[in-house]
Each structure stands twice: as C-alpha cells, then as structure tokens.
Amino acid sequence: MSWQHVLARSDLWDGEMIGVEVDGLHVVLLGFADRVVAYEDVCPHQRVRLSEGRFDGRSLVCRAHEWTYDAVSGCGMNPAGARLKPIAVIVRDGEVYLEVDEGREEQRDG
C-alpha cells in the first residue's frame, strides 16, 4: 500500500463530490467541513459510478436506481444492507492523499 496524491483540498469544496482515478482505481471523494471521505466509485448494485449521482452533503445517491448511502459511513440507507467500499484518506498540508494497493489488479468497469 502507498499514499498517492490526488488533489489540493481547496479543489474539493465542502458539500461537493469529485470522481478521480488513481492507479486505475476509480474513487469518489466527498468534501465535508472537517474532512474528506473516499469510496470506490461504484454502486454495489449495478456498478454504476457514484460520482455521476447526487451528493447533498449527507447522503450519496446512485443515478441508476436511487440506491442511497450515508456519505460519512458508506452504509446503505436504501437498501439498508448495502455498503460502499471505503478508501483511506489523509489531508496533509492542504493536499489530499489516498492509500491505494500498488499490486492490485486494475478495477474493471461493469
């Protein structure tokens, strides 16, 4: 595992989401006043990119079938049994870094 720089914190506003790709992994970043959260940019339902959906500052909604997730925990709200895969994030000196597995196979689009 290694930490990869993805963007300046100032490029991700509070209440905003951005989709990025790091070493072939698609990630959705969510900005909050006190932190940045990251998940694999894929809805577990039909593998649609979550960054193409909606983020209201509290929940993340997939555009395909409205599956809804708590933005902070990644837990499904509708349906409750769904869960997003989190990606470790650190913000250091105003820059955002993600922890990615250098040896993993490239993520496949669904």
PDB file of N, CA and C in Angstrom:
ATOM      1  N   MET A   1       0.847  -1.180   0.000  1.00  0.00           N
ATOM      2  CA  MET A   1       0.000   0.000   0.000  1.00  0.00           C
ATOM      3  C   MET A   1       0.885   1.234   0.000  1.00  0.00           C
ATOM      4  N   SER A   2       0.397   2.257  -0.694  1.00  0.00           N
ATOM      5  CA  SER A   2       1.140   3.509  -0.704  1.00  0.00           C
ATOM      6  C   SER A   2       0.154   4.670  -0.771  1.00  0.00           C
ATOM      7  N   TRP A   3       0.601   5.824  -0.337  1.00  0.00           N
ATOM      8  CA  TRP A   3      -0.221   7.032  -0.362  1.00  0.00           C
ATOM      9  C   TRP A   3       0.029   7.767  -1.668  1.00  0.00           C
ATOM     10  N   GLN A   4      -1.053   8.057  -2.393  1.00  0.00           N
ATOM     11  CA  GLN A   4      -0.965   8.738  -3.679  1.00  0.00           C
ATOM     12  C   GLN A   4      -1.647  10.104  -3.585  1.00  0.00           C
ATOM     13  N   HIS A   5      -0.968  11.130  -4.044  1.00  0.00           N
ATOM     14  CA  HIS A   5      -1.555  12.470  -4.081  1.00  0.00           C
ATOM     15  C   HIS A   5      -2.651  12.513  -5.142  1.00  0.00           C
ATOM     16  N   VAL A   6      -3.817  13.101  -4.807  1.00  0.00           N
ATOM     17  CA  VAL A   6      -4.890  13.182  -5.796  1.00  0.00           C
ATOM     18  C   VAL A   6      -5.292  14.604  -6.152  1.00  0.00           C
ATOM     19  N   LEU A   7      -5.306  15.509  -5.191  1.00  0.00           N
ATOM     20  CA  LEU A   7      -5.658  16.895  -5.490  1.00  0.00           C
ATOM     21  C   LEU A   7      -5.433  17.778  -4.277  1.00  0.00           C
ATOM     22  N   ALA A   8      -5.497  19.074  -4.506  1.00  0.00           N
ATOM     23  CA  ALA A   8      -5.417  20.037  -3.407  1.00  0.00           C
ATOM     24  C   ALA A   8      -6.768  20.062  -2.696  1.00  0.00           C
ATOM     25  N   ARG A   9      -6.759  20.168  -1.384  1.00  0.00           N
ATOM     26  CA  ARG A   9      -8.011  20.206  -0.621  1.00  0.00           C
ATOM     27  C   ARG A   9      -8.898  21.347  -1.093  1.00  0.00           C
ATOM     28  N   SER A  10      -8.314  22.448  -1.514  1.00  0.00           N
ATOM     29  CA  SER A  10      -9.088  23.601  -1.983  1.00  0.00           C
ATOM     30  C   SER A  10      -9.847  23.319  -3.282  1.00  0.00           C
ATOM     31  N   ASP A  11      -9.497  22.232  -3.987  1.00  0.00           N
ATOM     32  CA  ASP A  11     -10.202  21.842  -5.215  1.00  0.00           C
ATOM     33  C   ASP A  11     -11.473  21.048  -4.935  1.00  0.00           C
ATOM     34  N   LEU A  12     -11.680  20.649  -3.681  1.00  0.00           N
ATOM     35  CA  LEU A  12     -12.872  19.901  -3.281  1.00  0.00           C
ATOM     36  C   LEU A  12     -13.603  20.716  -2.228  1.00  0.00           C
ATOM     37  N   TRP A  13     -14.674  21.351  -2.630  1.00  0.00           N
ATOM     38  CA  TRP A  13     -15.423  22.214  -1.719  1.00  0.00           C
ATOM     39  C   TRP A  13     -16.252  21.386  -0.750  1.00  0.00           C
ATOM     40  N   ASP A  14     -16.598  21.981   0.373  1.00  0.00           N
ATOM     41  CA  ASP A  14     -17.486  21.330   1.328  1.00  0.00           C
ATOM     42  C   ASP A  14     -18.837  21.112   0.655  1.00  0.00           C
ATOM     43  N   GLY A  15     -19.374  19.886   0.766  1.00  0.00           N
ATOM     44  CA  GLY A  15     -20.640  19.545   0.134  1.00  0.00           C
ATOM     45  C   GLY A  15     -20.513  19.151  -1.322  1.00  0.00           C
ATOM     46  N   GLU A  16     -19.288  19.023  -1.814  1.00  0.00           N
ATOM     47  CA  GLU A  16     -19.041  18.672  -3.213  1.00  0.00           C
ATOM     48  C   GLU A  16     -18.467  17.258  -3.307  1.00  0.00           C
ATOM     49  N   MET A  17     -18.698  16.604  -4.457  1.00  0.00           N
ATOM     50  CA  MET A  17     -18.054  15.331  -4.733  1.00  0.00           C
ATOM     51  C   MET A  17     -17.304  15.426  -6.050  1.00  0.00           C
ATOM     52  N   ILE A  18     -16.210  14.670  -6.117  1.00  0.00           N
ATOM     53  CA  ILE A  18     -15.380  14.625  -7.318  1.00  0.00           C
ATOM     54  C   ILE A  18     -14.986  13.171  -7.553  1.00  0.00           C
ATOM     55  N   GLY A  19     -15.087  12.719  -8.791  1.00  0.00           N
ATOM     56  CA  GLY A  19     -14.585  11.402  -9.164  1.00  0.00           C
ATOM     57  C   GLY A  19     -13.161  11.546  -9.675  1.00  0.00           C
ATOM     58  N   VAL A  20     -12.266  10.683  -9.204  1.00  0.00           N
ATOM     59  CA  VAL A  20     -10.871  10.682  -9.645  1.00  0.00           C
ATOM     60  C   VAL A  20     -10.459   9.248  -9.955  1.00  0.00           C
ATOM     61  N   GLU A  21      -9.351   9.123 -10.668  1.00  0.00           N
ATOM     62  CA  GLU A  21      -8.775   7.804 -10.925  1.00  0.00           C
ATOM     63  C   GLU A  21      -7.341   7.813 -10.425  1.00  0.00           C
ATOM     64  N   VAL A  22      -7.005   6.805  -9.623  1.00  0.00           N
ATOM     65  CA  VAL A  22      -5.666   6.675  -9.066  1.00  0.00           C
ATOM     66  C   VAL A  22      -5.184   5.256  -9.330  1.00  0.00           C
ATOM     67  N   ASP A  23      -4.132   5.135 -10.114  1.00  0.00           N
ATOM     68  CA  ASP A  23      -3.574   3.817 -10.444  1.00  0.00           C
ATOM     69  C   ASP A  23      -4.646   2.855 -10.948  1.00  0.00           C
ATOM     70  N   GLY A  24      -5.545   3.344 -11.794  1.00  0.00           N
ATOM     71  CA  GLY A  24      -6.591   2.515 -12.374  1.00  0.00           C
ATOM     72  C   GLY A  24      -7.804   2.302 -11.498  1.00  0.00           C
ATOM     73  N   LEU A  25      -7.776   2.822 -10.278  1.00  0.00           N
ATOM     74  CA  LEU A  25      -8.902   2.694  -9.352  1.00  0.00           C
ATOM     75  C   LEU A  25      -9.753   3.956  -9.424  1.00  0.00           C
ATOM     76  N   HIS A  26     -11.049   3.800  -9.686  1.00  0.00           N
ATOM     77  CA  HIS A  26     -11.973   4.928  -9.717  1.00  0.00           C
ATOM     78  C   HIS A  26     -12.474   5.178  -8.296  1.00  0.00           C
ATOM     79  N   VAL A  27     -12.347   6.430  -7.850  1.00  0.00           N
ATOM     80  CA  VAL A  27     -12.674   6.815  -6.480  1.00  0.00           C
ATOM     81  C   VAL A  27     -13.566   8.040  -6.511  1.00  0.00           C
ATOM     82  N   VAL A  28     -14.549   8.081  -5.612  1.00  0.00           N
ATOM     83  CA  VAL A  28     -15.360   9.281  -5.426  1.00  0.00           C
ATOM     84  C   VAL A  28     -14.937   9.911  -4.101  1.00  0.00           C
ATOM     85  N   LEU A  29     -14.602  11.205  -4.154  1.00  0.00           N
ATOM     86  CA  LEU A  29     -14.205  11.974  -2.973  1.00  0.00           C
ATOM     87  C   LEU A  29     -15.368  12.873  -2.564  1.00  0.00           C
ATOM     88  N   LEU A  30     -15.659  12.927  -1.267  1.00  0.00           N
ATOM     89  CA  LEU A  30     -16.730  13.759  -0.735  1.00  0.00           C
ATOM     90  C   LEU A  30     -16.133  14.758   0.235  1.00  0.00           C
ATOM     91  N   GLY A  31     -16.456  16.033   0.051  1.00  0.00           N
ATOM     92  CA  GLY A  31     -15.914  17.076   0.903  1.00  0.00           C
ATOM     93  C   GLY A  31     -16.870  17.472   2.011  1.00  0.00           C
ATOM     94  N   PHE A  32     -16.347  17.538   3.228  1.00  0.00           N
ATOM     95  CA  PHE A  32     -17.083  17.991   4.406  1.00  0.00           C
ATOM     96  C   PHE A  32     -16.284  19.123   5.039  1.00  0.00           C
ATOM     97  N   ALA A  33     -16.891  19.860   5.923  1.00  0.00           N
ATOM     98  CA  ALA A  33     -16.210  20.984   6.556  1.00  0.00           C
ATOM     99  C   ALA A  33     -14.957  20.545   7.298  1.00  0.00           C
ATOM    100  N   ASP A  34     -14.995  19.361   7.905  1.00  0.00           N
ATOM    101  CA  ASP A  34     -13.877  18.930   8.747  1.00  0.00           C
ATOM    102  C   ASP A  34     -13.097  17.744   8.196  1.00  0.00           C
ATOM    103  N   ARG A  35     -13.464  17.248   6.996  1.00  0.00           N
ATOM    104  CA  ARG A  35     -12.752  16.077   6.480  1.00  0.00           C
ATOM    105  C   ARG A  35     -13.085  15.804   5.015  1.00  0.00           C
ATOM    106  N   VAL A  36     -12.378  14.827   4.475  1.00  0.00           N
ATOM    107  CA  VAL A  36     -12.637  14.293   3.143  1.00  0.00           C
ATOM    108  C   VAL A  36     -12.850  12.795   3.319  1.00  0.00           C
ATOM    109  N   VAL A  37     -13.858  12.262   2.647  1.00  0.00           N
ATOM    110  CA  VAL A  37     -14.165  10.832   2.687  1.00  0.00           C
ATOM    111  C   VAL A  37     -14.046  10.308   1.265  1.00  0.00           C
ATOM    112  N   ALA A  38     -13.579   9.050   1.119  1.00  0.00           N
ATOM    113  CA  ALA A  38     -13.427   8.453  -0.209  1.00  0.00           C
ATOM    114  C   ALA A  38     -13.969   7.036  -0.217  1.00  0.00           C
ATOM    115  N   TYR A  39     -14.586   6.688  -1.349  1.00  0.00           N
ATOM    116  CA  TYR A  39     -15.093   5.331  -1.568  1.00  0.00           C
ATOM    117  C   TYR A  39     -14.742   4.919  -2.994  1.00  0.00           C
ATOM    118  N   GLU A  40     -14.713   3.599  -3.234  1.00  0.00           N
ATOM    119  CA  GLU A  40     -14.613   3.161  -4.619  1.00  0.00           C
ATOM    120  C   GLU A  40     -15.809   3.759  -5.344  1.00  0.00           C
ATOM    121  N   ASP A  41     -15.569   4.274  -6.526  1.00  0.00           N
ATOM    122  CA  ASP A  41     -16.600   4.994  -7.287  1.00  0.00           C
ATOM    123  C   ASP A  41     -17.475   4.008  -8.051  1.00  0.00           C
ATOM    124  N   VAL A  42     -18.190   3.170  -7.291  1.00  0.00           N
ATOM    125  CA  VAL A  42     -19.052   2.175  -7.906  1.00  0.00           C
ATOM    126  C   VAL A  42     -20.175   1.811  -6.938  1.00  0.00           C
ATOM    127  N   CYS A  43     -21.382   1.811  -7.445  1.00  0.00           N
ATOM    128  CA  CYS A  43     -22.531   1.368  -6.661  1.00  0.00           C
ATOM    129  C   CYS A  43     -22.520  -0.160  -6.658  1.00  0.00           C
ATOM    130  N   PRO A  44     -22.657  -0.794  -5.503  1.00  0.00           N
ATOM    131  CA  PRO A  44     -22.645  -2.253  -5.449  1.00  0.00           C
ATOM    132  C   PRO A  44     -23.783  -2.905  -6.239  1.00  0.00           C
ATOM    133  N   HIS A  45     -24.826  -2.160  -6.526  1.00  0.00           N
ATOM    134  CA  HIS A  45     -25.995  -2.719  -7.202  1.00  0.00           C
ATOM    135  C   HIS A  45     -25.692  -3.114  -8.641  1.00  0.00           C
ATOM    136  N   GLN A  46     -25.349  -2.132  -9.492  1.00  0.00           N
ATOM    137  CA  GLN A  46     -25.073  -2.441 -10.890  1.00  0.00           C
ATOM    138  C   GLN A  46     -23.780  -1.804 -11.386  1.00  0.00           C
ATOM    139  N   ARG A  47     -22.904  -1.474 -10.448  1.00  0.00           N
ATOM    140  CA  ARG A  47     -21.571  -0.955 -10.745  1.00  0.00           C
ATOM    141  C   ARG A  47     -21.573   0.361 -11.512  1.00  0.00           C
ATOM    142  N   VAL A  48     -22.606   1.163 -11.326  1.00  0.00           N
ATOM    143  CA  VAL A  48     -22.677   2.496 -11.913  1.00  0.00           C
ATOM    144  C   VAL A  48     -21.787   3.417 -11.082  1.00  0.00           C
ATOM    145  N   ARG A  49     -21.137   4.368 -11.715  1.00  0.00           N
ATOM    146  CA  ARG A  49     -20.264   5.310 -10.993  1.00  0.00           C
ATOM    147  C   ARG A  49     -21.103   6.214 -10.079  1.00  0.00           C
ATOM    148  N   LEU A  50     -20.752   6.236  -8.816  1.00  0.00           N
ATOM    149  CA  LEU A  50     -21.454   7.077  -7.843  1.00  0.00           C
ATOM    150  C   LEU A  50     -21.215   8.560  -8.106  1.00  0.00           C
ATOM    151  N   SER A  51     -20.069   8.894  -8.690  1.00  0.00           N
ATOM    152  CA  SER A  51     -19.760  10.297  -8.985  1.00  0.00           C
ATOM    153  C   SER A  51     -20.701  10.880 -10.034  1.00  0.00           C
ATOM    154  N   GLU A  52     -21.484  10.035 -10.708  1.00  0.00           N
ATOM    155  CA  GLU A  52     -22.477  10.500 -11.669  1.00  0.00           C
ATOM    156  C   GLU A  52     -23.833  10.733 -11.006  1.00  0.00           C
ATOM    157  N   GLY A  53     -23.912  10.454  -9.711  1.00  0.00           N
ATOM    158  CA  GLY A  53     -25.154  10.610  -8.962  1.00  0.00           C
ATOM    159  C   GLY A  53     -25.242  11.955  -8.270  1.00  0.00           C
ATOM    160  N   ARG A  54     -25.852  11.958  -7.088  1.00  0.00           N
ATOM    161  CA  ARG A  54     -26.052  13.195  -6.330  1.00  0.00           C
ATOM    162  C   ARG A  54     -25.464  13.063  -4.930  1.00  0.00           C
ATOM    163  N   PHE A  55     -24.955  14.186  -4.427  1.00  0.00           N
ATOM    164  CA  PHE A  55     -24.443  14.275  -3.067  1.00  0.00           C
ATOM    165  C   PHE A  55     -25.002  15.547  -2.466  1.00  0.00           C
ATOM    166  N   ASP A  56     -25.763  15.403  -1.369  1.00  0.00           N
ATOM    167  CA  ASP A  56     -26.394  16.578  -0.759  1.00  0.00           C
ATOM    168  C   ASP A  56     -25.692  17.033   0.513  1.00  0.00           C
ATOM    169  N   GLY A  57     -24.495  16.515   0.749  1.00  0.00           N
ATOM    170  CA  GLY A  57     -23.762  16.866   1.953  1.00  0.00           C
ATOM    171  C   GLY A  57     -23.959  15.865   3.073  1.00  0.00           C
ATOM    172  N   ARG A  58     -24.965  15.002   2.947  1.00  0.00           N
ATOM    173  CA  ARG A  58     -25.234  13.969   3.943  1.00  0.00           C
ATOM    174  C   ARG A  58     -25.383  12.586   3.309  1.00  0.00           C
ATOM    175  N   SER A  59     -26.030  12.527   2.161  1.00  0.00           N
ATOM    176  CA  SER A  59     -26.241  11.236   1.509  1.00  0.00           C
ATOM    177  C   SER A  59     -25.748  11.270   0.070  1.00  0.00           C
ATOM    178  N   LEU A  60     -25.363  10.095  -0.404  1.00  0.00           N
ATOM    179  CA  LEU A  60     -24.872   9.894  -1.755  1.00  0.00           C
ATOM    180  C   LEU A  60     -25.877   8.989  -2.455  1.00  0.00           C
ATOM    181  N   VAL A  61     -26.387   9.436  -3.614  1.00  0.00           N
ATOM    182  CA  VAL A  61     -27.453   8.717  -4.309  1.00  0.00           C
ATOM    183  C   VAL A  61     -26.977   8.309  -5.691  1.00  0.00           C
ATOM    184  N   CYS A  62     -27.096   7.012  -5.998  1.00  0.00           N
ATOM    185  CA  CYS A  62     -26.738   6.490  -7.312  1.00  0.00           C
ATOM    186  C   CYS A  62     -27.770   6.948  -8.341  1.00  0.00           C
ATOM    187  N   ARG A  63     -27.301   7.348  -9.513  1.00  0.00           N
ATOM    188  CA  ARG A  63     -28.200   7.858 -10.554  1.00  0.00           C
ATOM    189  C   ARG A  63     -29.069   6.778 -11.173  1.00  0.00           C
ATOM    190  N   ALA A  64     -28.628   5.521 -11.133  1.00  0.00           N
ATOM    191  CA  ALA A  64     -29.333   4.462 -11.851  1.00  0.00           C
ATOM    192  C   ALA A  64     -30.660   4.063 -11.205  1.00  0.00           C
ATOM    193  N   HIS A  65     -30.624   3.711  -9.939  1.00  0.00           N
ATOM    194  CA  HIS A  65     -31.839   3.224  -9.281  1.00  0.00           C
ATOM    195  C   HIS A  65     -32.062   3.853  -7.918  1.00  0.00           C
ATOM    196  N   GLU A  66     -31.390   5.003  -7.674  1.00  0.00           N
ATOM    197  CA  GLU A  66     -31.610   5.772  -6.444  1.00  0.00           C
ATOM    198  C   GLU A  66     -31.168   5.054  -5.171  1.00  0.00           C
ATOM    199  N   TRP A  67     -30.263   4.086  -5.292  1.00  0.00           N
ATOM    200  CA  TRP A  67     -29.725   3.499  -4.065  1.00  0.00           C
ATOM    201  C   TRP A  67     -29.033   4.624  -3.315  1.00  0.00           C
ATOM    202  N   THR A  68     -29.250   4.699  -2.013  1.00  0.00           N
ATOM    203  CA  THR A  68     -28.803   5.827  -1.203  1.00  0.00           C
ATOM    204  C   THR A  68     -27.902   5.346  -0.071  1.00  0.00           C
ATOM    205  N   TYR A  69     -26.811   6.078   0.140  1.00  0.00           N
ATOM    206  CA  TYR A  69     -25.808   5.718   1.140  1.00  0.00           C
ATOM    207  C   TYR A  69     -25.545   6.898   2.064  1.00  0.00           C
ATOM    208  N   ASP A  70     -25.290   6.605   3.332  1.00  0.00           N
ATOM    209  CA  ASP A  70     -24.829   7.626   4.260  1.00  0.00           C
ATOM    210  C   ASP A  70     -23.423   8.023   3.809  1.00  0.00           C
ATOM    211  N   ALA A  71     -23.215   9.291   3.550  1.00  0.00           N
ATOM    212  CA  ALA A  71     -21.948   9.751   2.982  1.00  0.00           C
ATOM    213  C   ALA A  71     -20.776   9.596   3.944  1.00  0.00           C
ATOM    214  N   VAL A  72     -21.016   9.665   5.233  1.00  0.00           N
ATOM    215  CA  VAL A  72     -19.932   9.572   6.206  1.00  0.00           C
ATOM    216  C   VAL A  72     -19.530   8.125   6.459  1.00  0.00           C
ATOM    217  N   SER A  73     -20.507   7.236   6.619  1.00  0.00           N
ATOM    218  CA  SER A  73     -20.200   5.849   6.969  1.00  0.00           C
ATOM    219  C   SER A  73     -20.119   4.914   5.768  1.00  0.00           C
ATOM    220  N   GLY A  74     -20.770   5.273   4.648  1.00  0.00           N
ATOM    221  CA  GLY A  74     -20.831   4.386   3.493  1.00  0.00           C
ATOM    222  C   GLY A  74     -21.899   3.317   3.613  1.00  0.00           C
ATOM    223  N   CYS A  75     -22.642   3.324   4.718  1.00  0.00           N
ATOM    224  CA  CYS A  75     -23.700   2.341   4.940  1.00  0.00           C
ATOM    225  C   CYS A  75     -24.927   2.684   4.103  1.00  0.00           C
ATOM    226  N   GLY A  76     -25.583   1.642   3.600  1.00  0.00           N
ATOM    227  CA  GLY A  76     -26.788   1.840   2.827  1.00  0.00           C
ATOM    228  C   GLY A  76     -27.928   2.376   3.674  1.00  0.00           C
ATOM    229  N   MET A  77     -28.641   3.329   3.113  1.00  0.00           N
ATOM    230  CA  MET A  77     -29.854   3.845   3.739  1.00  0.00           C
ATOM    231  C   MET A  77     -31.069   3.251   3.022  1.00  0.00           C
ATOM    232  N   ASN A  78     -30.923   3.027   1.716  1.00  0.00           N
ATOM    233  CA  ASN A  78     -31.960   2.412   0.909  1.00  0.00           C
ATOM    234  C   ASN A  78     -31.279   1.713  -0.266  1.00  0.00           C
ATOM    235  N   PRO A  79     -31.058   0.418  -0.191  1.00  0.00           N
ATOM    236  CA  PRO A  79     -31.437  -0.507   0.876  1.00  0.00           C
ATOM    237  C   PRO A  79     -30.420  -0.499   2.025  1.00  0.00           C
ATOM    238  N   ALA A  80     -30.888  -0.888   3.177  1.00  0.00           N
ATOM    239  CA  ALA A  80     -30.067  -0.828   4.382  1.00  0.00           C
ATOM    240  C   ALA A  80     -28.895  -1.810   4.357  1.00  0.00           C
ATOM    241  N   GLY A  81     -29.000  -2.892   3.631  1.00  0.00           N
ATOM    242  CA  GLY A  81     -27.946  -3.904   3.636  1.00  0.00           C
ATOM    243  C   GLY A  81     -26.758  -3.600   2.742  1.00  0.00           C
ATOM    244  N   ALA A  82     -26.860  -2.577   1.924  1.00  0.00           N
ATOM    245  CA  ALA A  82     -25.763  -2.235   1.008  1.00  0.00           C
ATOM    246  C   ALA A  82     -24.656  -1.490   1.755  1.00  0.00           C
ATOM    247  N   ARG A  83     -23.443  -1.532   1.202  1.00  0.00           N
ATOM    248  CA  ARG A  83     -22.324  -0.821   1.832  1.00  0.00           C
ATOM    249  C   ARG A  83     -21.285  -0.474   0.775  1.00  0.00           C
ATOM    250  N   LEU A  84     -20.743   0.734   0.887  1.00  0.00           N
ATOM    251  CA  LEU A  84     -19.687   1.173  -0.026  1.00  0.00           C
ATOM    252  C   LEU A  84     -18.330   0.735   0.497  1.00  0.00           C
ATOM    253  N   LYS A  85     -17.360   0.566  -0.418  1.00  0.00           N
ATOM    254  CA  LYS A  85     -16.005   0.191  -0.015  1.00  0.00           C
ATOM    255  C   LYS A  85     -15.197   1.466   0.227  1.00  0.00           C
ATOM    256  N   PRO A  86     -14.793   1.701   1.481  1.00  0.00           N
ATOM    257  CA  PRO A  86     -14.042   2.924   1.790  1.00  0.00           C
ATOM    258  C   PRO A  86     -12.591   2.854   1.321  1.00  0.00           C
ATOM    259  N   ILE A  87     -12.035   4.018   1.042  1.00  0.00           N
ATOM    260  CA  ILE A  87     -10.623   4.175   0.695  1.00  0.00           C
ATOM    261  C   ILE A  87     -10.033   5.121   1.741  1.00  0.00           C
ATOM    262  N   ALA A  88      -8.903   4.758   2.316  1.00  0.00           N
ATOM    263  CA  ALA A  88      -8.261   5.596   3.338  1.00  0.00           C
ATOM    264  C   ALA A  88      -7.808   6.919   2.732  1.00  0.00           C
ATOM    265  N   VAL A  89      -8.052   8.005   3.478  1.00  0.00           N
ATOM    266  CA  VAL A  89      -7.729   9.365   3.039  1.00  0.00           C
ATOM    267  C   VAL A  89      -6.960  10.084   4.141  1.00  0.00           C
ATOM    268  N   ILE A  90      -5.983  10.866   3.737  1.00  0.00           N
ATOM    269  CA  ILE A  90      -5.384  11.827   4.654  1.00  0.00           C
ATOM    270  C   ILE A  90      -5.285  13.172   3.938  1.00  0.00           C
ATOM    271  N   VAL A  91      -5.424  14.232   4.728  1.00  0.00           N
ATOM    272  CA  VAL A  91      -5.203  15.582   4.214  1.00  0.00           C
ATOM    273  C   VAL A  91      -4.008  16.129   4.984  1.00  0.00           C
ATOM    274  N   ARG A  92      -2.964  16.453   4.234  1.00  0.00           N
ATOM    275  CA  ARG A  92      -1.735  16.937   4.862  1.00  0.00           C
ATOM    276  C   ARG A  92      -1.239  18.158   4.103  1.00  0.00           C
ATOM    277  N   ASP A  93      -1.005  19.232   4.830  1.00  0.00           N
ATOM    278  CA  ASP A  93      -0.501  20.469   4.235  1.00  0.00           C
ATOM    279  C   ASP A  93      -1.376  20.936   3.070  1.00  0.00           C
ATOM    280  N   GLY A  94      -2.699  20.758   3.226  1.00  0.00           N
ATOM    281  CA  GLY A  94      -3.632  21.235   2.206  1.00  0.00           C
ATOM    282  C   GLY A  94      -3.749  20.352   0.983  1.00  0.00           C
ATOM    283  N   GLU A  95      -3.171  19.150   1.031  1.00  0.00           N
ATOM    284  CA  GLU A  95      -3.215  18.219  -0.094  1.00  0.00           C
ATOM    285  C   GLU A  95      -3.917  16.931   0.334  1.00  0.00           C
ATOM    286  N   VAL A  96      -4.653  16.314  -0.600  1.00  0.00           N
ATOM    287  CA  VAL A  96      -5.410  15.094  -0.327  1.00  0.00           C
ATOM    288  C   VAL A  96      -4.658  13.895  -0.902  1.00  0.00           C
ATOM    289  N   TYR A  97      -4.489  12.857  -0.069  1.00  0.00           N
ATOM    290  CA  TYR A  97      -3.802  11.630  -0.451  1.00  0.00           C
ATOM    291  C   TYR A  97      -4.719  10.439  -0.183  1.00  0.00           C
ATOM    292  N   LEU A  98      -4.667   9.442  -1.075  1.00  0.00           N
ATOM    293  CA  LEU A  98      -5.414   8.200  -0.914  1.00  0.00           C
ATOM    294  C   LEU A  98      -4.441   7.043  -0.762  1.00  0.00           C
ATOM    295  N   GLU A  99      -4.803   6.073   0.062  1.00  0.00           N
ATOM    296  CA  GLU A  99      -3.985   4.878   0.215  1.00  0.00           C
ATOM    297  C   GLU A  99      -4.483   3.835  -0.781  1.00  0.00           C
ATOM    298  N   VAL A 100      -3.630   3.470  -1.711  1.00  0.00           N
ATOM    299  CA  VAL A 100      -4.002   2.504  -2.745  1.00  0.00           C
ATOM    300  C   VAL A 100      -3.032   1.333  -2.732  1.00  0.00           C
ATOM    301  N   ASP A 101      -3.530   0.200  -3.153  1.00  0.00           N
ATOM    302  CA  ASP A 101      -2.751  -1.025  -3.221  1.00  0.00           C
ATOM    303  C   ASP A 101      -2.041  -1.056  -4.564  1.00  0.00           C
ATOM    304  N   GLU A 102      -0.737  -0.924  -4.545  1.00  0.00           N
ATOM    305  CA  GLU A 102       0.042  -0.886  -5.785  1.00  0.00           C
ATOM    306  C   GLU A 102       0.012  -2.202  -6.543  1.00  0.00           C
ATOM    307  N   GLY A 103      -0.203  -3.321  -5.857  1.00  0.00           N
ATOM    308  CA  GLY A 103      -0.138  -4.616  -6.511  1.00  0.00           C
ATOM    309  C   GLY A 103      -1.474  -5.187  -6.924  1.00  0.00           C
ATOM    310  N   ARG A 104      -2.554  -4.449  -6.727  1.00  0.00           N
ATOM    311  CA  ARG A 104      -3.882  -4.994  -7.030  1.00  0.00           C
ATOM    312  C   ARG A 104      -4.136  -4.991  -8.517  1.00  0.00           C
ATOM    313  N   GLU A 105      -5.074  -5.829  -8.935  1.00  0.00           N
ATOM    314  CA  GLU A 105      -5.481  -5.830 -10.340  1.00  0.00           C
ATOM    315  C   GLU A 105      -6.300  -4.584 -10.610  1.00  0.00           C
ATOM    316  N   GLU A 106      -6.216  -4.085 -11.835  1.00  0.00           N
ATOM    317  CA  GLU A 106      -6.959  -2.886 -12.213  1.00  0.00           C
ATOM    318  C   GLU A 106      -8.461  -3.135 -12.074  1.00  0.00           C
ATOM    319  N   GLN A 107      -9.159  -2.159 -11.497  1.00  0.00           N
ATOM    320  CA  GLN A 107     -10.605  -2.249 -11.325  1.00  0.00           C
ATOM    321  C   GLN A 107     -11.281  -2.306 -12.695  1.00  0.00           C
ATOM    322  N   ARG A 108     -12.262  -3.151 -12.836  1.00  0.00           N
ATOM    323  CA  ARG A 108     -12.982  -3.307 -14.102  1.00  0.00           C
ATOM    324  C   ARG A 108     -14.292  -2.558 -14.048  1.00  0.00           C
ATOM    325  N   ASP A 109     -14.643  -1.890 -15.155  1.00  0.00           N
ATOM    326  CA  ASP A 109     -15.943  -1.234 -15.260  1.00  0.00           C
ATOM    327  C   ASP A 109     -16.998  -2.298 -15.477  1.00  0.00           C
ATOM    328  N   GLY A 110     -18.194  -2.052 -14.880  1.00  0.00           N
ATOM    329  CA  GLY A 110     -19.261  -3.031 -15.005  1.00  0.00           C
ATOM    330  C   GLY A 110     -20.179  -2.770 -16.133  1.00  0.00           C
TER     331      GLY A 110
END
